[in-house]
Amino acid sequence: MLGYSQGMARKSAWRKRLEGRLGSLGLHVAWGVFRVLPLGVAQRIGAGLGRLAYALSGRYRRVAVQNLSRAFPDWTPAQARATARRVFRNFGVSLAEFLKAPSMTRAQLERRITILGLEHLDAALRAGKGVLLITGHFGNWELMARYLCMLGYPISVIARDADDKDATALVTMVRERSGYRVFPRGNAARLVLKALRANEAVGILPDQNAGDVYVEFFGQKAGSVAGPAVFHLRTGAPLVPLFNVRLPGDYHRIEILPPMRFEPTGDAGYDQQRVMQALHDVLETYVRRYPDQWLWLHDRWKSGRRRALGEPQPQP
């Protein structure tokens, strides 16, 4: 039995490496193609690739449908599948826009994007403590960062490395050509604190599975990172939620919400949990309003289920 388990682990690791290499190769080809295409053509091709991925990727299709059914138990299976198809479509178009973004001018972006609530970001920056921009894997979060940089806001983002180092290098290069710096997750704390001291904005997407704190998300326990809460409570940098909503015709509307601030109580664990719960409450409001624009391809409740069963949690 032990030999069988080890063999399966080796097979799984080999398969993961192969998938990583193939994904990296596809990403490099897409970068070469999309950056030279007109935006409208790139978006249409991206939409087609998203629909193709839905048809071919049984694993992620099942994850998306299961997650949607878990979050919306009153939906029919047909509703969950239809929404999942739109999720894949949005992801395909977002990838095309991400790869195209560095070559787009401010005038081109302004023809596709409107922005609401910019005064909230300006007010938060006037406090002089930097700003923690909090969003999720929703709409096209990358294009939002590109546009804010074009407007003159200094932005850095915390990002997890891809499984393949060449893919990580390409994605980082595209982001930096779009004007924002990348802080690798796991080694970001010092860089984040330095950026906040310089009164800059740092973007964090805390909506993927982790085990720092546990929050209610769609009525179920979900493990979350505590980073945004830790940085906020330590520095006083305001938390500014913002979302990029995809509109019909693949236009975009960035919605920036008023700054959120929390006073420490002296109980660090309690404070971190309540801050992260408040941020997830805001995210859930947007996901319920636009369920096809969140990235349902990730098992958001994995740590929550393991915790309920008393299983050991994976290390971040």
C-alpha atoms as a PDB file:
ATOM      1  CA  MET A   1       0.000   0.000   0.000  1.00  0.00           C
ATOM      2  CA  LEU A   2       2.844   2.386   0.814  1.00  0.00           C
ATOM      3  CA  GLY A   3       4.506   1.709  -2.536  1.00  0.00           C
ATOM      4  CA  TYR A   4       1.211   2.332  -4.307  1.00  0.00           C
ATOM      5  CA  SER A   5       0.755   5.651  -2.475  1.00  0.00           C
ATOM      6  CA  GLN A   6       4.287   6.738  -3.333  1.00  0.00           C
ATOM      7  CA  GLY A   7       3.743   5.796  -6.960  1.00  0.00           C
ATOM      8  CA  MET A   8       0.528   7.790  -7.091  1.00  0.00           C
ATOM      9  CA  ALA A   9       2.305  10.776  -5.498  1.00  0.00           C
ATOM     10  CA  ARG A  10       5.070  10.596  -8.118  1.00  0.00           C
ATOM     11  CA  LYS A  11       2.492  10.351 -10.877  1.00  0.00           C
ATOM     12  CA  SER A  12       0.611  13.321  -9.451  1.00  0.00           C
ATOM     13  CA  ALA A  13       3.801  15.402  -9.198  1.00  0.00           C
ATOM     14  CA  TRP A  14       4.794  14.451 -12.755  1.00  0.00           C
ATOM     15  CA  ARG A  15       1.336  15.344 -14.048  1.00  0.00           C
ATOM     16  CA  LYS A  16       1.413  18.666 -12.212  1.00  0.00           C
ATOM     17  CA  ARG A  17       4.788  19.534 -13.750  1.00  0.00           C
ATOM     18  CA  LEU A  18       3.561  18.579 -17.205  1.00  0.00           C
ATOM     19  CA  GLU A  19       0.406  20.667 -16.821  1.00  0.00           C
ATOM     20  CA  GLY A  20       2.544  23.557 -15.607  1.00  0.00           C
ATOM     21  CA  ARG A  21       4.845  23.378 -18.608  1.00  0.00           C
ATOM     22  CA  LEU A  22       1.953  23.101 -21.074  1.00  0.00           C
ATOM     23  CA  GLY A  23       0.178  25.996 -19.370  1.00  0.00           C
ATOM     24  CA  SER A  24       3.327  28.102 -19.549  1.00  0.00           C
ATOM     25  CA  LEU A  25       3.760  27.299 -23.241  1.00  0.00           C
ATOM     26  CA  GLY A  26       0.147  28.254 -23.950  1.00  0.00           C
ATOM     27  CA  LEU A  27       0.533  31.489 -21.993  1.00  0.00           C
ATOM     28  CA  HIS A  28       3.623  32.479 -23.960  1.00  0.00           C
ATOM     29  CA  VAL A  29       1.828  31.790 -27.263  1.00  0.00           C
ATOM     30  CA  ALA A  30      -1.174  33.820 -26.070  1.00  0.00           C
ATOM     31  CA  TRP A  31       1.116  36.698 -25.072  1.00  0.00           C
ATOM     32  CA  GLY A  32       2.668  36.744 -28.528  1.00  0.00           C
ATOM     33  CA  VAL A  33      -0.750  36.758 -30.219  1.00  0.00           C
ATOM     34  CA  PHE A  34      -2.993  38.945 -28.046  1.00  0.00           C
ATOM     35  CA  ARG A  35      -0.613  41.855 -27.594  1.00  0.00           C
ATOM     36  CA  VAL A  36      -0.631  42.604 -31.354  1.00  0.00           C
ATOM     37  CA  LEU A  37      -4.369  42.147 -31.951  1.00  0.00           C
ATOM     38  CA  PRO A  38      -6.962  44.932 -31.819  1.00  0.00           C
ATOM     39  CA  LEU A  39      -8.709  44.845 -28.441  1.00  0.00           C
ATOM     40  CA  GLY A  40     -12.104  43.838 -29.816  1.00  0.00           C
ATOM     41  CA  VAL A  41     -10.600  40.921 -31.744  1.00  0.00           C
ATOM     42  CA  ALA A  42      -8.599  39.837 -28.681  1.00  0.00           C
ATOM     43  CA  GLN A  43     -11.738  39.916 -26.534  1.00  0.00           C
ATOM     44  CA  ARG A  44     -13.711  37.804 -28.989  1.00  0.00           C
ATOM     45  CA  ILE A  45     -10.931  35.232 -29.237  1.00  0.00           C
ATOM     46  CA  GLY A  46     -10.603  35.221 -25.444  1.00  0.00           C
ATOM     47  CA  ALA A  47     -14.331  34.588 -25.112  1.00  0.00           C
ATOM     48  CA  GLY A  48     -14.042  31.666 -27.514  1.00  0.00           C
ATOM     49  CA  LEU A  49     -11.110  30.218 -25.591  1.00  0.00           C
ATOM     50  CA  GLY A  50     -13.076  30.517 -22.361  1.00  0.00           C
ATOM     51  CA  ARG A  51     -16.000  28.620 -23.828  1.00  0.00           C
ATOM     52  CA  LEU A  52     -13.617  25.985 -25.195  1.00  0.00           C
ATOM     53  CA  ALA A  53     -12.022  25.610 -21.760  1.00  0.00           C
ATOM     54  CA  TYR A  54     -15.469  25.025 -20.264  1.00  0.00           C
ATOM     55  CA  ALA A  55     -16.111  22.254 -22.763  1.00  0.00           C
ATOM     56  CA  LEU A  56     -12.718  20.565 -22.371  1.00  0.00           C
ATOM     57  CA  SER A  57     -11.817  21.042 -18.700  1.00  0.00           C
ATOM     58  CA  GLY A  58     -14.001  18.553 -16.892  1.00  0.00           C
ATOM     59  CA  ARG A  59     -12.172  19.026 -13.608  1.00  0.00           C
ATOM     60  CA  TYR A  60     -12.562  22.800 -13.332  1.00  0.00           C
ATOM     61  CA  ARG A  61     -16.042  22.703 -14.817  1.00  0.00           C
ATOM     62  CA  ARG A  62     -17.104  20.324 -12.041  1.00  0.00           C
ATOM     63  CA  VAL A  63     -15.462  22.499  -9.370  1.00  0.00           C
ATOM     64  CA  ALA A  64     -17.249  25.607 -10.653  1.00  0.00           C
ATOM     65  CA  VAL A  65     -20.664  23.930 -10.837  1.00  0.00           C
ATOM     66  CA  GLN A  66     -20.234  22.345  -7.388  1.00  0.00           C
ATOM     67  CA  ASN A  67     -19.187  25.658  -5.848  1.00  0.00           C
ATOM     68  CA  LEU A  68     -22.115  27.514  -7.416  1.00  0.00           C
ATOM     69  CA  SER A  69     -24.527  24.846  -6.211  1.00  0.00           C
ATOM     70  CA  ARG A  70     -23.040  25.110  -2.718  1.00  0.00           C
ATOM     71  CA  ALA A  71     -23.322  28.908  -2.654  1.00  0.00           C
ATOM     72  CA  PHE A  72     -26.798  29.038  -4.255  1.00  0.00           C
ATOM     73  CA  PRO A  73     -28.622  25.924  -3.000  1.00  0.00           C
ATOM     74  CA  ASP A  74     -31.923  27.093  -4.471  1.00  0.00           C
ATOM     75  CA  TRP A  75     -30.535  27.075  -8.015  1.00  0.00           C
ATOM     76  CA  THR A  76     -31.299  24.324 -10.473  1.00  0.00           C
ATOM     77  CA  PRO A  77     -28.381  22.360 -11.998  1.00  0.00           C
ATOM     78  CA  ALA A  78     -29.093  24.145 -15.286  1.00  0.00           C
ATOM     79  CA  GLN A  79     -28.661  27.553 -13.607  1.00  0.00           C
ATOM     80  CA  ALA A  80     -25.348  26.492 -12.092  1.00  0.00           C
ATOM     81  CA  ARG A  81     -24.045  25.173 -15.425  1.00  0.00           C
ATOM     82  CA  ALA A  82     -25.135  28.289 -17.331  1.00  0.00           C
ATOM     83  CA  THR A  83     -23.408  30.542 -14.806  1.00  0.00           C
ATOM     84  CA  ALA A  84     -20.274  28.389 -14.900  1.00  0.00           C
ATOM     85  CA  ARG A  85     -20.136  28.795 -18.683  1.00  0.00           C
ATOM     86  CA  ARG A  86     -20.197  32.562 -18.262  1.00  0.00           C
ATOM     87  CA  VAL A  87     -17.473  32.322 -15.593  1.00  0.00           C
ATOM     88  CA  PHE A  88     -15.194  30.546 -18.082  1.00  0.00           C
ATOM     89  CA  ARG A  89     -16.089  33.075 -20.752  1.00  0.00           C
ATOM     90  CA  ASN A  90     -15.240  35.981 -18.438  1.00  0.00           C
ATOM     91  CA  PHE A  91     -11.931  34.387 -17.509  1.00  0.00           C
ATOM     92  CA  GLY A  92     -10.990  33.937 -21.175  1.00  0.00           C
ATOM     93  CA  VAL A  93     -11.788  37.546 -22.019  1.00  0.00           C
ATOM     94  CA  SER A  94      -9.971  38.760 -18.888  1.00  0.00           C
ATOM     95  CA  LEU A  95      -6.856  36.844 -19.919  1.00  0.00           C
ATOM     96  CA  ALA A  96      -6.944  38.458 -23.362  1.00  0.00           C
ATOM     97  CA  GLU A  97      -7.388  41.918 -21.809  1.00  0.00           C
ATOM     98  CA  PHE A  98      -4.581  41.279 -19.319  1.00  0.00           C
ATOM     99  CA  LEU A  99      -2.122  40.364 -22.075  1.00  0.00           C
ATOM    100  CA  LYS A 100      -3.274  43.305 -24.195  1.00  0.00           C
ATOM    101  CA  ALA A 101      -3.247  45.890 -21.385  1.00  0.00           C
ATOM    102  CA  PRO A 102       0.446  46.949 -21.441  1.00  0.00           C
ATOM    103  CA  SER A 103       0.095  48.137 -25.045  1.00  0.00           C
ATOM    104  CA  MET A 104      -3.117  50.097 -24.403  1.00  0.00           C
ATOM    105  CA  THR A 105      -2.996  53.866 -24.011  1.00  0.00           C
ATOM    106  CA  ARG A 106      -4.902  55.836 -21.410  1.00  0.00           C
ATOM    107  CA  ALA A 107      -7.294  57.074 -24.105  1.00  0.00           C
ATOM    108  CA  GLN A 108      -8.014  53.492 -25.191  1.00  0.00           C
ATOM    109  CA  LEU A 109      -8.656  52.428 -21.617  1.00  0.00           C
ATOM    110  CA  GLU A 110     -10.927  55.384 -20.960  1.00  0.00           C
ATOM    111  CA  ARG A 111     -13.105  54.363 -23.910  1.00  0.00           C
ATOM    112  CA  ARG A 112     -13.715  50.998 -22.206  1.00  0.00           C
ATOM    113  CA  ILE A 113     -13.711  51.895 -18.495  1.00  0.00           C
ATOM    114  CA  THR A 114     -15.742  54.168 -16.253  1.00  0.00           C
ATOM    115  CA  ILE A 115     -14.852  54.683 -12.599  1.00  0.00           C
ATOM    116  CA  LEU A 116     -17.034  55.484  -9.603  1.00  0.00           C
ATOM    117  CA  GLY A 117     -15.849  56.497  -6.143  1.00  0.00           C
ATOM    118  CA  LEU A 118     -12.363  57.715  -6.977  1.00  0.00           C
ATOM    119  CA  GLU A 119     -12.852  60.323  -4.262  1.00  0.00           C
ATOM    120  CA  HIS A 120     -12.780  57.512  -1.686  1.00  0.00           C
ATOM    121  CA  LEU A 121      -9.299  56.470  -2.775  1.00  0.00           C
ATOM    122  CA  ASP A 122      -8.123  60.083  -2.751  1.00  0.00           C
ATOM    123  CA  ALA A 123      -9.518  60.620   0.750  1.00  0.00           C
ATOM    124  CA  ALA A 124      -7.806  57.480   2.019  1.00  0.00           C
ATOM    125  CA  LEU A 125      -4.448  58.571   0.570  1.00  0.00           C
ATOM    126  CA  ARG A 126      -4.761  62.010   2.165  1.00  0.00           C
ATOM    127  CA  ALA A 127      -4.425  60.320   5.567  1.00  0.00           C
ATOM    128  CA  GLY A 128      -0.783  59.673   4.616  1.00  0.00           C
ATOM    129  CA  LYS A 129      -0.636  56.062   5.839  1.00  0.00           C
ATOM    130  CA  GLY A 130      -0.886  54.322   2.495  1.00  0.00           C
ATOM    131  CA  VAL A 131      -3.891  52.333   1.351  1.00  0.00           C
ATOM    132  CA  LEU A 132      -4.737  48.636   1.295  1.00  0.00           C
ATOM    133  CA  LEU A 133      -6.792  48.027  -1.851  1.00  0.00           C
ATOM    134  CA  ILE A 134      -8.974  44.974  -1.258  1.00  0.00           C
ATOM    135  CA  THR A 135     -10.643  43.162  -4.118  1.00  0.00           C
ATOM    136  CA  GLY A 136     -11.181  39.597  -5.270  1.00  0.00           C
ATOM    137  CA  HIS A 137     -10.776  37.401  -8.308  1.00  0.00           C
ATOM    138  CA  PHE A 138     -13.755  39.238  -9.731  1.00  0.00           C
ATOM    139  CA  GLY A 139     -14.400  40.847 -13.108  1.00  0.00           C
ATOM    140  CA  ASN A 140     -11.012  41.839 -14.495  1.00  0.00           C
ATOM    141  CA  TRP A 141      -9.001  42.802 -11.440  1.00  0.00           C
ATOM    142  CA  GLU A 142      -5.782  43.100 -13.472  1.00  0.00           C
ATOM    143  CA  LEU A 143      -7.214  45.668 -15.880  1.00  0.00           C
ATOM    144  CA  MET A 144      -8.390  47.696 -12.893  1.00  0.00           C
ATOM    145  CA  ALA A 145      -4.820  47.908 -11.574  1.00  0.00           C
ATOM    146  CA  ARG A 146      -3.557  48.933 -15.014  1.00  0.00           C
ATOM    147  CA  TYR A 147      -6.097  51.756 -15.262  1.00  0.00           C
ATOM    148  CA  LEU A 148      -5.409  53.103 -11.770  1.00  0.00           C
ATOM    149  CA  CYS A 149      -1.697  53.176 -12.592  1.00  0.00           C
ATOM    150  CA  MET A 150      -2.475  55.091 -15.784  1.00  0.00           C
ATOM    151  CA  LEU A 151      -4.328  57.631 -13.627  1.00  0.00           C
ATOM    152  CA  GLY A 152      -1.142  58.169 -11.637  1.00  0.00           C
ATOM    153  CA  TYR A 153      -1.697  56.052  -8.525  1.00  0.00           C
ATOM    154  CA  PRO A 154       1.398  54.123  -7.374  1.00  0.00           C
ATOM    155  CA  ILE A 155       0.258  50.530  -6.903  1.00  0.00           C
ATOM    156  CA  SER A 156       1.875  47.278  -5.871  1.00  0.00           C
ATOM    157  CA  VAL A 157       0.155  43.905  -5.669  1.00  0.00           C
ATOM    158  CA  ILE A 158       0.785  40.760  -3.647  1.00  0.00           C
ATOM    159  CA  ALA A 159       0.723  37.734  -5.947  1.00  0.00           C
ATOM    160  CA  ARG A 160       1.316  34.017  -5.580  1.00  0.00           C
ATOM    161  CA  ASP A 161       3.855  32.470  -7.929  1.00  0.00           C
ATOM    162  CA  ALA A 162       2.526  30.126 -10.591  1.00  0.00           C
ATOM    163  CA  ASP A 163       3.525  26.463 -10.416  1.00  0.00           C
ATOM    164  CA  ASP A 164       5.846  26.999 -13.398  1.00  0.00           C
ATOM    165  CA  LYS A 165       8.672  29.514 -12.999  1.00  0.00           C
ATOM    166  CA  ASP A 166       8.533  30.617 -16.657  1.00  0.00           C
ATOM    167  CA  ALA A 167       4.814  31.351 -16.325  1.00  0.00           C
ATOM    168  CA  THR A 168       5.533  33.344 -13.153  1.00  0.00           C
ATOM    169  CA  ALA A 169       8.183  35.368 -14.961  1.00  0.00           C
ATOM    170  CA  LEU A 170       5.856  36.138 -17.875  1.00  0.00           C
ATOM    171  CA  VAL A 171       2.907  37.159 -15.689  1.00  0.00           C
ATOM    172  CA  THR A 172       5.170  39.350 -13.536  1.00  0.00           C
ATOM    173  CA  MET A 173       6.597  40.990 -16.643  1.00  0.00           C
ATOM    174  CA  VAL A 174       3.122  41.757 -18.023  1.00  0.00           C
ATOM    175  CA  ARG A 175       2.056  43.232 -14.682  1.00  0.00           C
ATOM    176  CA  GLU A 176       5.145  45.402 -14.398  1.00  0.00           C
ATOM    177  CA  ARG A 177       4.737  46.620 -17.989  1.00  0.00           C
ATOM    178  CA  SER A 178       1.213  47.588 -16.962  1.00  0.00           C
ATOM    179  CA  GLY A 179       2.730  49.869 -14.339  1.00  0.00           C
ATOM    180  CA  TYR A 180       2.334  48.054 -11.037  1.00  0.00           C
ATOM    181  CA  ARG A 181       4.934  46.279  -8.950  1.00  0.00           C
ATOM    182  CA  VAL A 182       4.606  42.676  -7.807  1.00  0.00           C
ATOM    183  CA  PHE A 183       5.394  41.501  -4.269  1.00  0.00           C
ATOM    184  CA  PRO A 184       5.677  37.690  -4.059  1.00  0.00           C
ATOM    185  CA  ARG A 185       3.358  36.204  -1.473  1.00  0.00           C
ATOM    186  CA  GLY A 186       5.298  34.744   1.422  1.00  0.00           C
ATOM    187  CA  ASN A 187       8.021  37.403   1.280  1.00  0.00           C
ATOM    188  CA  ALA A 188       5.885  40.504   0.992  1.00  0.00           C
ATOM    189  CA  ALA A 189       5.597  41.886   4.531  1.00  0.00           C
ATOM    190  CA  ARG A 190       8.671  44.135   4.491  1.00  0.00           C
ATOM    191  CA  LEU A 191       7.861  45.414   0.996  1.00  0.00           C
ATOM    192  CA  VAL A 192       4.236  46.124   1.919  1.00  0.00           C
ATOM    193  CA  LEU A 193       5.218  48.088   5.016  1.00  0.00           C
ATOM    194  CA  LYS A 194       7.736  50.103   2.993  1.00  0.00           C
ATOM    195  CA  ALA A 195       5.097  50.930   0.346  1.00  0.00           C
ATOM    196  CA  LEU A 196       2.577  51.992   2.992  1.00  0.00           C
ATOM    197  CA  ARG A 197       5.142  54.236   4.680  1.00  0.00           C
ATOM    198  CA  ALA A 198       5.644  55.899   1.266  1.00  0.00           C
ATOM    199  CA  ASN A 199       1.832  56.496   1.144  1.00  0.00           C
ATOM    200  CA  GLU A 200       1.370  54.102  -1.764  1.00  0.00           C
ATOM    201  CA  ALA A 201      -1.439  51.646  -2.479  1.00  0.00           C
ATOM    202  CA  VAL A 202      -1.039  47.886  -2.097  1.00  0.00           C
ATOM    203  CA  GLY A 203      -3.553  45.541  -3.706  1.00  0.00           C
ATOM    204  CA  ILE A 204      -4.472  42.281  -1.980  1.00  0.00           C
ATOM    205  CA  LEU A 205      -6.920  39.573  -3.112  1.00  0.00           C
ATOM    206  CA  PRO A 206      -7.777  37.621   0.072  1.00  0.00           C
ATOM    207  CA  ASP A 207     -10.491  35.426  -1.443  1.00  0.00           C
ATOM    208  CA  GLN A 208      -8.688  32.107  -1.858  1.00  0.00           C
ATOM    209  CA  ASN A 209      -8.361  29.165   0.498  1.00  0.00           C
ATOM    210  CA  ALA A 210      -6.004  29.622   3.478  1.00  0.00           C
ATOM    211  CA  GLY A 211      -5.966  28.776   7.154  1.00  0.00           C
ATOM    212  CA  ASP A 212      -5.055  31.945   9.077  1.00  0.00           C
ATOM    213  CA  VAL A 213      -8.586  32.862  10.199  1.00  0.00           C
ATOM    214  CA  TYR A 214     -12.059  31.507   9.467  1.00  0.00           C
ATOM    215  CA  VAL A 215     -14.973  33.532   8.169  1.00  0.00           C
ATOM    216  CA  GLU A 216     -18.522  32.954   7.024  1.00  0.00           C
ATOM    217  CA  PHE A 217     -18.769  33.080   3.237  1.00  0.00           C
ATOM    218  CA  PHE A 218     -22.120  32.247   1.674  1.00  0.00           C
ATOM    219  CA  GLY A 219     -23.188  30.807   5.027  1.00  0.00           C
ATOM    220  CA  GLN A 220     -20.278  28.358   5.260  1.00  0.00           C
ATOM    221  CA  LYS A 221     -16.902  28.424   6.978  1.00  0.00           C
ATOM    222  CA  ALA A 222     -14.029  29.455   4.732  1.00  0.00           C
ATOM    223  CA  GLY A 223     -10.358  29.738   5.643  1.00  0.00           C
ATOM    224  CA  SER A 224      -8.785  33.100   4.854  1.00  0.00           C
ATOM    225  CA  VAL A 225      -5.437  34.837   4.980  1.00  0.00           C
ATOM    226  CA  ALA A 226      -5.117  37.399   7.764  1.00  0.00           C
ATOM    227  CA  GLY A 227      -2.657  39.678   5.940  1.00  0.00           C
ATOM    228  CA  PRO A 228      -4.973  42.613   5.167  1.00  0.00           C
ATOM    229  CA  ALA A 229      -6.131  42.708   8.783  1.00  0.00           C
ATOM    230  CA  VAL A 230      -2.583  42.429  10.153  1.00  0.00           C
ATOM    231  CA  PHE A 231      -1.285  45.265   7.956  1.00  0.00           C
ATOM    232  CA  HIS A 232      -4.300  47.459   8.726  1.00  0.00           C
ATOM    233  CA  LEU A 233      -4.164  46.955  12.486  1.00  0.00           C
ATOM    234  CA  ARG A 234      -0.396  47.478  12.585  1.00  0.00           C
ATOM    235  CA  THR A 235      -0.158  50.572  10.376  1.00  0.00           C
ATOM    236  CA  GLY A 236      -3.585  52.208  10.385  1.00  0.00           C
ATOM    237  CA  ALA A 237      -3.602  52.131   6.584  1.00  0.00           C
ATOM    238  CA  PRO A 238      -7.268  52.266   5.543  1.00  0.00           C
ATOM    239  CA  LEU A 239      -8.853  49.317   3.764  1.00  0.00           C
ATOM    240  CA  VAL A 240     -10.483  50.375   0.491  1.00  0.00           C
ATOM    241  CA  PRO A 241     -12.641  47.716  -1.197  1.00  0.00           C
ATOM    242  CA  LEU A 242     -12.974  48.044  -4.957  1.00  0.00           C
ATOM    243  CA  PHE A 243     -14.294  45.906  -7.802  1.00  0.00           C
ATOM    244  CA  ASN A 244     -14.196  45.960 -11.585  1.00  0.00           C
ATOM    245  CA  VAL A 245     -17.628  44.996 -12.915  1.00  0.00           C
ATOM    246  CA  ARG A 246     -17.765  43.681 -16.466  1.00  0.00           C
ATOM    247  CA  LEU A 247     -20.597  45.317 -18.422  1.00  0.00           C
ATOM    248  CA  PRO A 248     -22.367  44.214 -21.621  1.00  0.00           C
ATOM    249  CA  GLY A 249     -20.116  44.564 -24.646  1.00  0.00           C
ATOM    250  CA  ASP A 250     -17.055  43.913 -22.448  1.00  0.00           C
ATOM    251  CA  TYR A 251     -16.949  47.422 -21.080  1.00  0.00           C
ATOM    252  CA  HIS A 252     -15.967  47.899 -17.437  1.00  0.00           C
ATOM    253  CA  ARG A 253     -17.077  49.894 -14.418  1.00  0.00           C
ATOM    254  CA  ILE A 254     -14.657  50.237 -11.493  1.00  0.00           C
ATOM    255  CA  GLU A 255     -16.495  50.776  -8.206  1.00  0.00           C
ATOM    256  CA  ILE A 256     -14.420  52.089  -5.289  1.00  0.00           C
ATOM    257  CA  LEU A 257     -16.106  51.933  -1.882  1.00  0.00           C
ATOM    258  CA  PRO A 258     -15.525  54.162   1.167  1.00  0.00           C
ATOM    259  CA  PRO A 259     -12.487  53.362   3.333  1.00  0.00           C
ATOM    260  CA  MET A 260     -12.949  50.885   6.173  1.00  0.00           C
ATOM    261  CA  ARG A 261     -11.171  51.325   9.506  1.00  0.00           C
ATOM    262  CA  PHE A 262     -11.139  49.184  12.647  1.00  0.00           C
ATOM    263  CA  GLU A 263      -9.863  50.032  16.110  1.00  0.00           C
ATOM    264  CA  PRO A 264      -7.776  47.301  17.778  1.00  0.00           C
ATOM    265  CA  THR A 265      -9.319  45.762  20.895  1.00  0.00           C
ATOM    266  CA  GLY A 266      -6.137  44.146  22.206  1.00  0.00           C
ATOM    267  CA  ASP A 267      -7.271  40.681  21.151  1.00  0.00           C
ATOM    268  CA  ALA A 268      -5.285  40.096  17.943  1.00  0.00           C
ATOM    269  CA  GLY A 269      -7.092  36.914  16.920  1.00  0.00           C
ATOM    270  CA  TYR A 270     -10.515  38.460  17.383  1.00  0.00           C
ATOM    271  CA  ASP A 271      -9.506  41.644  15.565  1.00  0.00           C
ATOM    272  CA  GLN A 272      -8.098  39.772  12.581  1.00  0.00           C
ATOM    273  CA  GLN A 273     -11.189  37.603  12.290  1.00  0.00           C
ATOM    274  CA  ARG A 274     -13.641  40.519  12.433  1.00  0.00           C
ATOM    275  CA  VAL A 275     -11.693  42.536   9.846  1.00  0.00           C
ATOM    276  CA  MET A 276     -11.517  39.614   7.434  1.00  0.00           C
ATOM    277  CA  GLN A 277     -15.192  38.831   8.011  1.00  0.00           C
ATOM    278  CA  ALA A 278     -16.139  42.403   7.130  1.00  0.00           C
ATOM    279  CA  LEU A 279     -14.080  42.237   3.930  1.00  0.00           C
ATOM    280  CA  HIS A 280     -15.653  38.927   2.932  1.00  0.00           C
ATOM    281  CA  ASP A 281     -19.108  40.358   3.598  1.00  0.00           C
ATOM    282  CA  VAL A 282     -18.391  43.100   1.050  1.00  0.00           C
ATOM    283  CA  LEU A 283     -17.073  40.559  -1.450  1.00  0.00           C
ATOM    284  CA  GLU A 284     -20.102  38.319  -0.988  1.00  0.00           C
ATOM    285  CA  THR A 285     -22.417  41.247  -1.723  1.00  0.00           C
ATOM    286  CA  TYR A 286     -20.721  41.742  -5.094  1.00  0.00           C
ATOM    287  CA  VAL A 287     -20.561  38.049  -5.929  1.00  0.00           C
ATOM    288  CA  ARG A 288     -24.268  37.634  -5.180  1.00  0.00           C
ATOM    289  CA  ARG A 289     -25.007  40.603  -7.409  1.00  0.00           C
ATOM    290  CA  TYR A 290     -22.772  39.367 -10.251  1.00  0.00           C
ATOM    291  CA  PRO A 291     -22.308  35.611  -9.686  1.00  0.00           C
ATOM    292  CA  ASP A 292     -20.785  34.958 -13.106  1.00  0.00           C
ATOM    293  CA  GLN A 293     -17.910  37.388 -12.482  1.00  0.00           C
ATOM    294  CA  TRP A 294     -16.179  35.634  -9.584  1.00  0.00           C
ATOM    295  CA  LEU A 295     -13.632  32.884 -10.205  1.00  0.00           C
ATOM    296  CA  TRP A 296     -15.493  29.809  -8.945  1.00  0.00           C
ATOM    297  CA  LEU A 297     -12.764  27.442 -10.203  1.00  0.00           C
ATOM    298  CA  HIS A 298     -11.091  27.296  -6.770  1.00  0.00           C
ATOM    299  CA  ASP A 299     -12.290  25.267  -3.744  1.00  0.00           C
ATOM    300  CA  ARG A 300     -12.919  28.221  -1.460  1.00  0.00           C
ATOM    301  CA  TRP A 301     -14.264  26.135   1.448  1.00  0.00           C
ATOM    302  CA  LYS A 302     -11.569  23.429   1.616  1.00  0.00           C
ATOM    303  CA  SER A 303      -9.936  24.605   4.853  1.00  0.00           C
ATOM    304  CA  GLY A 304     -13.328  25.193   6.445  1.00  0.00           C
ATOM    305  CA  ARG A 305     -14.372  21.598   5.755  1.00  0.00           C
ATOM    306  CA  ARG A 306     -11.063  20.226   7.043  1.00  0.00           C
ATOM    307  CA  ARG A 307     -11.350  22.283  10.195  1.00  0.00           C
ATOM    308  CA  ALA A 308     -14.883  21.017  10.806  1.00  0.00           C
ATOM    309  CA  LEU A 309     -13.612  17.437  10.455  1.00  0.00           C
ATOM    310  CA  GLY A 310     -10.604  18.071  12.686  1.00  0.00           C
ATOM    311  CA  GLU A 311      -8.122  17.381   9.882  1.00  0.00           C
ATOM    312  CA  PRO A 312      -4.659  19.015   9.820  1.00  0.00           C
ATOM    313  CA  GLN A 313      -4.458  22.218   7.831  1.00  0.00           C
ATOM    314  CA  PRO A 314      -1.973  22.700   4.981  1.00  0.00           C
ATOM    315  CA  GLN A 315       0.879  25.121   5.594  1.00  0.00           C
ATOM    316  CA  PRO A 316       0.536  28.429   3.689  1.00  0.00           C
END
